[in-house]
Protein backbone atom coordinates (compact mmCIF):
# COMPACT_ATOMS: atom_id res chain seq x y z
CA UNK A 1 -80.89 177.79 67.96
CA UNK A 2 -81.06 176.25 71.40
CA UNK A 3 -83.01 177.59 74.42
CA UNK A 4 -80.10 179.36 76.04
CA UNK A 5 -79.20 181.08 72.81
CA UNK A 6 -82.77 182.17 72.45
CA UNK A 7 -82.83 183.62 75.92
CA UNK A 8 -79.54 185.62 75.38
CA UNK A 9 -80.87 186.92 71.97
CA UNK A 10 -84.13 187.92 73.47
CA UNK A 11 -82.42 189.83 76.26
CA UNK A 12 -80.20 191.62 73.73
CA UNK A 13 -83.11 192.42 71.40
CA UNK A 14 -85.34 193.72 74.25
CA UNK A 15 -82.43 195.80 75.67
CA UNK A 16 -81.51 197.26 72.25
CA UNK A 17 -85.11 198.03 71.31
CA UNK A 18 -85.88 199.69 74.63
CA UNK A 19 -82.68 201.83 74.62
CA UNK A 20 -83.26 203.01 71.13
CA UNK A 21 -86.88 203.85 71.73
CA UNK A 22 -85.66 206.25 74.29
CA UNK A 23 -84.50 208.64 71.57
CA UNK A 24 -88.07 208.75 70.36
CA UNK A 25 -90.12 208.48 73.51
CA UNK A 26 -88.20 210.83 75.76
CA UNK A 27 -88.60 213.86 73.46
CA UNK A 28 -92.14 212.81 72.53
CA UNK A 29 -93.19 212.62 76.25
CA UNK A 30 -91.48 215.99 76.87
CA UNK A 31 -93.44 217.43 73.91
CA UNK A 32 -96.72 216.07 75.22
CA UNK A 33 -95.85 217.54 78.65
CA UNK A 34 -96.41 214.05 80.29
CA UNK A 35 -94.30 215.04 83.18
CA UNK A 36 -94.24 213.33 86.67
CA UNK A 37 -96.32 214.75 89.35
CA UNK A 38 -94.24 214.64 92.57
CA UNK A 39 -96.36 213.71 95.60
CA UNK A 40 -96.57 216.27 98.48
CA UNK A 41 -95.95 213.41 100.99
CA UNK A 42 -92.74 212.47 99.30
CA UNK A 43 -89.24 213.79 100.18
CA UNK A 44 -89.20 217.52 99.44
CA UNK A 45 -85.83 217.20 97.61
CA UNK A 46 -87.76 215.30 94.93
CA UNK A 47 -89.45 218.44 93.86
CA UNK A 48 -86.73 219.21 91.33
CA UNK A 49 -87.86 216.09 89.45
CA UNK A 50 -91.25 217.64 88.79
CA UNK A 51 -91.87 217.45 85.09
CA UNK A 52 -89.51 214.60 84.26
CA UNK A 53 -91.35 212.52 81.61
CA UNK A 54 -93.28 209.55 83.00
CA UNK A 55 -94.92 206.48 81.37
CA UNK A 56 -91.52 205.55 79.96
CA UNK A 57 -92.39 201.95 80.90
CA UNK A 58 -93.99 201.86 77.41
CA UNK A 59 -90.41 201.72 76.03
CA UNK A 60 -89.65 198.38 77.71
CA UNK A 61 -93.20 196.98 77.32
CA UNK A 62 -92.66 197.31 73.55
CA UNK A 63 -89.07 196.03 73.74
CA UNK A 64 -89.93 192.99 75.83
CA UNK A 65 -93.06 192.19 73.87
CA UNK A 66 -91.30 192.31 70.51
CA UNK A 67 -88.45 190.23 71.70
CA UNK A 68 -90.66 187.56 73.22
CA UNK A 69 -92.91 187.41 70.17
CA UNK A 70 -90.01 187.18 67.78
CA UNK A 71 -88.39 184.45 69.84
CA UNK A 72 -91.59 182.38 70.00
CA UNK A 73 -92.37 182.82 66.28
CA UNK A 74 -88.89 181.94 65.22
CA UNK A 75 -88.90 178.78 67.40
CA UNK A 76 -92.26 177.78 66.13
CA UNK A 77 -91.65 178.23 62.43
CA UNK A 78 -87.90 177.67 62.11
CA UNK A 79 -86.68 175.81 65.08
CA UNK A 80 -87.72 173.03 67.48
CA UNK A 81 -91.03 174.52 68.49
CA UNK A 82 -90.46 173.46 72.14
CA UNK A 83 -90.52 176.82 73.85
CA UNK A 84 -94.21 176.47 74.48
CA UNK A 85 -93.91 172.87 75.72
CA UNK A 86 -93.52 172.12 79.42
CA UNK A 87 -92.07 169.16 81.12
CA UNK A 88 -95.09 168.09 83.25
CA UNK A 89 -98.72 167.48 82.83
CA UNK A 90 -99.79 171.10 82.74
CA UNK A 91 -100.69 173.16 79.65
CA UNK A 92 -97.42 175.23 79.74
CA UNK A 93 -98.37 177.27 76.65
CA UNK A 94 -101.61 178.46 78.26
CA UNK A 95 -99.85 179.46 81.51
CA UNK A 96 -97.16 181.40 79.61
CA UNK A 97 -99.53 183.14 77.21
CA UNK A 98 -102.05 183.93 79.95
CA UNK A 99 -99.21 185.37 82.01
CA UNK A 100 -98.06 187.67 79.27
CA UNK A 101 -101.67 188.82 78.70
CA UNK A 102 -101.96 189.44 82.55
CA UNK A 103 -98.83 191.58 82.53
CA UNK A 104 -100.06 193.64 79.60
CA UNK A 105 -103.38 194.14 81.39
CA UNK A 106 -101.56 195.31 84.46
CA UNK A 107 -99.53 197.66 82.28
CA UNK A 108 -102.73 199.12 80.93
CA UNK A 109 -104.08 199.74 84.46
CA UNK A 110 -100.87 201.48 85.22
CA UNK A 111 -101.10 203.52 82.05
CA UNK A 112 -104.64 204.69 83.02
CA UNK A 113 -103.33 205.69 86.43
CA UNK A 114 -100.38 207.68 84.94
CA UNK A 115 -102.56 209.22 82.18
CA UNK A 116 -105.03 210.49 84.78
CA UNK A 117 -102.25 212.09 86.76
CA UNK A 118 -100.55 213.94 83.89
CA UNK A 119 -103.75 215.01 82.09
CA UNK A 120 -105.52 216.19 85.24
CA UNK A 121 -102.22 217.54 86.68
CA UNK A 122 -102.83 216.03 90.10
CA UNK A 123 -101.01 213.77 92.46
CA UNK A 124 -103.53 211.01 92.48
CA UNK A 125 -104.59 209.12 89.37
CA UNK A 126 -106.95 206.27 89.84
CA UNK A 127 -108.23 205.75 93.41
CA UNK A 128 -106.95 202.85 95.41
CA UNK A 129 -110.41 201.24 95.14
CA UNK A 130 -110.48 201.65 91.28
CA UNK A 131 -106.96 200.17 90.93
CA UNK A 132 -107.69 197.27 93.34
CA UNK A 133 -110.94 196.35 91.53
CA UNK A 134 -109.21 196.35 88.18
CA UNK A 135 -106.35 194.32 89.54
CA UNK A 136 -108.58 191.75 91.10
CA UNK A 137 -110.54 191.38 87.84
CA UNK A 138 -107.20 190.67 85.92
CA UNK A 139 -106.06 188.31 88.69
CA UNK A 140 -109.26 186.43 88.50
CA UNK A 141 -108.98 185.96 84.77
CA UNK A 142 -105.37 184.78 85.14
CA UNK A 143 -106.30 182.31 87.84
CA UNK A 144 -109.03 180.79 85.73
CA UNK A 145 -106.46 180.31 82.99
CA UNK A 146 -104.19 178.58 85.52
CA UNK A 147 -107.08 176.37 86.62
CA UNK A 148 -107.57 175.19 83.06
CA UNK A 149 -103.86 174.85 82.43
CA UNK A 150 -103.21 172.79 85.57
CA UNK A 151 -106.13 170.46 84.58
CA UNK A 152 -108.02 171.61 87.77
CA UNK A 153 -105.24 170.22 90.11
CA UNK A 154 -103.48 173.29 91.41
CA UNK A 155 -99.98 172.72 92.76
CA UNK A 156 -96.67 174.46 93.42
CA UNK A 157 -93.11 173.05 93.65
CA UNK A 158 -91.82 172.53 97.12
CA UNK A 159 -88.09 172.13 97.67
CA UNK A 160 -86.26 169.59 99.84
CA UNK A 161 -89.05 166.92 99.62
CA UNK A 162 -87.62 163.52 100.24
CA UNK A 163 -88.68 160.53 98.16
CA UNK A 164 -89.28 157.03 99.35
CA UNK A 165 -85.59 156.13 99.02
CA UNK A 166 -84.50 159.02 101.35
CA UNK A 167 -83.24 161.21 98.41
CA UNK A 168 -83.96 164.90 98.21
CA UNK A 169 -85.82 165.52 94.96
CA UNK A 170 -88.35 168.15 95.65
CA UNK A 171 -91.92 167.67 94.83
CA UNK A 172 -95.33 168.94 93.75
CA UNK A 173 -97.47 170.40 96.63
CA UNK A 174 -101.10 169.97 95.74
CA UNK A 175 -102.96 172.70 97.64
CA UNK A 176 -106.50 172.14 96.53
CA UNK A 177 -108.81 175.05 97.20
CA UNK A 178 -106.16 176.80 99.35
CA UNK A 179 -104.18 177.39 96.13
CA UNK A 180 -106.52 180.10 94.90
CA UNK A 181 -106.35 182.58 97.86
CA UNK A 182 -102.54 181.81 98.07
CA UNK A 183 -102.09 182.53 94.39
CA UNK A 184 -104.24 185.67 94.46
CA UNK A 185 -102.25 186.92 97.47
CA UNK A 186 -98.96 186.36 95.71
CA UNK A 187 -100.20 188.08 92.66
CA UNK A 188 -101.71 191.14 94.38
CA UNK A 189 -98.79 191.50 96.79
CA UNK A 190 -96.12 191.26 94.05
CA UNK A 191 -97.79 193.78 91.75
CA UNK A 192 -98.03 196.29 94.42
CA UNK A 193 -94.59 195.66 96.05
CA UNK A 194 -92.90 196.13 92.72
CA UNK A 195 -94.80 199.41 92.39
CA UNK A 196 -93.52 200.55 95.82
CA UNK A 197 -89.93 199.86 94.62
CA UNK A 198 -90.31 202.39 91.89
CA UNK A 199 -89.64 205.45 94.13
CA UNK A 200 -86.11 206.64 93.25
CA UNK A 201 -84.13 206.84 90.05
CA UNK A 202 -83.00 203.41 88.66
CA UNK A 203 -84.07 201.40 91.72
CA UNK A 204 -86.90 199.21 90.39
CA UNK A 205 -85.13 198.94 87.02
CA UNK A 206 -81.87 197.71 88.38
CA UNK A 207 -83.39 195.43 90.96
CA UNK A 208 -85.72 193.92 88.31
CA UNK A 209 -82.65 193.31 85.98
CA UNK A 210 -81.16 191.07 88.81
CA UNK A 211 -84.51 189.30 89.53
CA UNK A 212 -85.30 188.70 85.86
CA UNK A 213 -81.81 187.25 85.24
CA UNK A 214 -82.22 184.93 88.20
CA UNK A 215 -85.59 183.70 86.97
CA UNK A 216 -84.09 183.13 83.55
CA UNK A 217 -81.31 181.00 84.94
CA UNK A 218 -83.89 179.02 86.95
CA UNK A 219 -85.91 178.53 83.69
CA UNK A 220 -82.83 177.23 81.94
CA UNK A 221 -82.14 174.79 84.94
CA UNK A 222 -85.76 173.45 84.50
CA UNK A 223 -85.52 173.39 80.68
CA UNK A 224 -88.55 175.64 80.42
CA UNK A 225 -87.13 177.98 77.81
CA UNK A 226 -90.36 179.79 77.10
CA UNK A 227 -90.38 181.12 80.64
CA UNK A 228 -86.70 181.79 80.29
CA UNK A 229 -87.17 183.96 77.17
CA UNK A 230 -89.83 185.94 79.12
CA UNK A 231 -87.63 186.63 82.09
CA UNK A 232 -84.48 187.19 80.05
CA UNK A 233 -86.35 189.74 77.78
CA UNK A 234 -87.56 191.54 80.93
CA UNK A 235 -83.96 191.70 82.23
CA UNK A 236 -82.71 192.92 78.90
CA UNK A 237 -85.52 195.54 78.69
CA UNK A 238 -84.66 196.79 82.06
CA UNK A 239 -81.00 197.05 81.09
CA UNK A 240 -82.05 199.13 78.05
CA UNK A 241 -84.29 201.35 80.20
CA UNK A 242 -81.56 201.85 82.71
CA UNK A 243 -79.75 203.93 80.14
CA UNK A 244 -82.44 206.49 80.55
CA UNK A 245 -83.59 205.77 84.04
CA UNK A 246 -80.25 205.78 86.02
CA UNK A 247 -79.67 208.71 88.40
CA UNK A 248 -80.33 211.38 87.36
CA UNK A 249 -83.26 209.92 85.34
CA UNK A 250 -84.23 211.39 82.06
CA UNK A 251 -87.48 209.41 82.21
CA UNK A 252 -89.57 207.46 84.80
CA UNK A 253 -91.35 204.16 84.10
CA UNK A 254 -94.45 205.23 85.92
CA UNK A 255 -97.14 202.68 87.06
CA UNK A 256 -97.30 201.82 83.42
CA UNK A 257 -93.94 200.11 83.64
CA UNK A 258 -93.90 199.02 87.35
CA UNK A 259 -97.20 197.17 87.12
CA UNK A 260 -96.13 195.47 83.82
CA UNK A 261 -92.94 194.38 85.53
CA UNK A 262 -94.84 192.91 88.43
CA UNK A 263 -97.05 190.96 86.00
CA UNK A 264 -94.13 189.52 84.13
CA UNK A 265 -92.27 188.50 87.40
CA UNK A 266 -95.22 186.62 88.71
CA UNK A 267 -96.01 185.19 85.24
CA UNK A 268 -92.66 183.68 84.99
CA UNK A 269 -92.71 182.34 88.52
CA UNK A 270 -96.10 180.65 88.02
CA UNK A 271 -95.00 179.35 84.65
CA UNK A 272 -92.03 177.77 86.50
CA UNK A 273 -94.51 176.18 88.99
CA UNK A 274 -92.62 178.08 91.75
CA UNK A 275 -94.32 181.31 93.00
CA UNK A 276 -92.54 180.81 96.39
CA UNK A 277 -89.23 181.43 94.64
CA UNK A 278 -90.13 185.12 94.59
CA UNK A 279 -89.43 185.25 98.40
CA UNK A 280 -85.65 185.08 98.00
CA UNK A 281 -85.34 186.16 94.32
CA UNK A 282 -87.51 189.22 94.85
CA UNK A 283 -86.36 189.93 98.36
CA UNK A 284 -86.17 193.72 97.84
CA UNK A 285 -89.79 193.67 96.63
CA UNK A 286 -90.70 191.84 99.82
CA UNK A 287 -88.82 194.30 102.01
CA UNK A 288 -90.29 197.32 100.23
CA UNK A 289 -93.78 196.02 100.57
CA UNK A 290 -93.47 194.87 104.11
CA UNK A 291 -91.93 198.19 105.15
CA UNK A 292 -94.98 200.04 103.88
CA UNK A 293 -97.39 197.70 105.61
CA UNK A 294 -95.43 197.81 108.80
CA UNK A 295 -95.34 201.64 108.75
CA UNK A 296 -99.08 201.97 108.18
CA UNK A 297 -100.00 199.36 110.73
CA UNK A 298 -97.71 200.81 113.42
CA UNK A 299 -98.89 204.40 112.74
CA UNK A 300 -102.59 203.35 113.24
CA UNK A 301 -101.85 201.21 116.33
CA UNK A 302 -99.83 203.75 118.16
CA UNK A 303 -101.80 206.87 117.09
CA UNK A 304 -99.17 208.46 114.85
CA UNK A 305 -95.80 206.93 115.70
CA UNK A 306 -93.50 205.64 112.97
CA UNK A 307 -91.00 202.83 112.65
CA UNK A 308 -89.15 204.33 109.64
CA UNK A 309 -88.61 208.04 108.87
CA UNK A 310 -90.54 207.39 105.75
CA UNK A 311 -91.88 204.33 103.84
CA UNK A 312 -91.30 202.41 101.62
CA UNK A 313 -87.92 201.83 103.19
CA UNK A 314 -85.80 203.34 100.38
CA UNK A 315 -87.11 206.70 101.45
CA UNK A 316 -86.03 206.01 105.03
CA UNK A 317 -82.43 205.61 103.78
CA UNK A 318 -82.79 208.79 101.72
CA UNK A 319 -83.86 210.73 104.76
CA UNK A 320 -80.85 209.22 106.62
CA UNK A 321 -78.52 210.82 104.17
CA UNK A 322 -78.01 208.16 101.53
CA UNK A 323 -77.77 209.23 97.93
CA UNK A 324 -79.82 207.37 95.24
CA UNK A 325 -76.77 205.80 93.67
CA UNK A 326 -75.82 204.28 97.04
CA UNK A 327 -79.35 203.02 97.68
CA UNK A 328 -79.48 201.50 94.17
CA UNK A 329 -76.12 199.72 94.75
CA UNK A 330 -76.96 198.39 98.14
CA UNK A 331 -80.36 197.24 97.31
CA UNK A 332 -79.09 195.50 94.18
CA UNK A 333 -76.44 193.68 96.28
CA UNK A 334 -79.12 192.50 98.69
CA UNK A 335 -81.20 191.37 95.80
CA UNK A 336 -78.33 189.63 94.21
CA UNK A 337 -77.74 187.82 97.44
CA UNK A 338 -81.47 186.74 97.37
CA UNK A 339 -81.25 185.49 93.76
CA UNK A 340 -78.11 183.46 94.57
CA UNK A 341 -79.90 182.06 97.60
CA UNK A 342 -82.90 181.09 95.44
CA UNK A 343 -80.83 179.40 92.89
CA UNK A 344 -79.04 177.40 95.63
CA UNK A 345 -82.43 176.40 96.97
CA UNK A 346 -83.39 175.21 93.44
CA UNK A 347 -80.11 173.39 92.91
CA UNK A 348 -80.09 171.47 96.18
CA UNK A 349 -83.79 171.34 96.96
CA UNK A 350 -85.25 170.52 93.54
CA UNK A 351 -82.70 168.22 91.76
CA UNK A 352 -85.44 165.92 90.54
CA UNK A 353 -86.96 168.79 88.45
CA UNK A 354 -83.78 170.04 86.74
CA UNK A 355 -82.58 169.06 83.28
């Protein structure tokens, strides 16, 4: 079984397991009365969604985890055993495993937030301070693992670097101490931006399916099939979850799912030595996060004025008369353009790092 085959099978397995788990989890969450609490500050037409089961992210967390574990075990015991081997001086296995552990920890934080909401029947779960402190602790642990894996020489890939012969090859950019605040900012921003994207039926799920697929293709281009399996499994898990989450959603992922997704996305990007690739390949996450920051900043600076009718920006389009299916489609097309742009940057800007 070669790497590409393993990626495809991981995606199919994660998607199948996730979709099938819906037949168990959706009725179970209904029975437990783990329904979504709709925020008062949200669009008033979302009130009809009150009570729709949340924490459905558990479905694809299980699906993705089982698919990745199965692929790695099969590769280790029956195949080449190369999925945890990188193609540079870093400890690729440690980066990948630490990334998976980080994503599961973020999923746990999201679960605690969701559980607090549904059990106490209130809009707010964990406070912003509580969530931020927990996230920072997890990020610190992951960065320590990166420090060890990179042999204390932190770097990221930079496209369009020209070698001594005038050829575009791309190259490693050694950031020194600056790497750590840079990496922490990427991690914290991505986790929360993905969370912002989970605001209407199917949006975060469908956008992530595209981003995960793009990262899987990037991993195959680099020959880093362990990261490829991780990204492909996430894409497959989102495809399976979309069966239940497409408009009108029968279940929501909750912070349980969105924070796990954010963790997997950044874990794959750092395993590929290219966190900056998230700027084009996760362009919708970037837009959603920036729209919220801009809205809050402008509101405070102007004493109550707003740039958008509501933030994050998908709510602006809702209030402008767009339906959820139209928003999902347009945002997915924008993200697809970003993924294609990212892959073109990789192809033309990093030819020296492709297999």
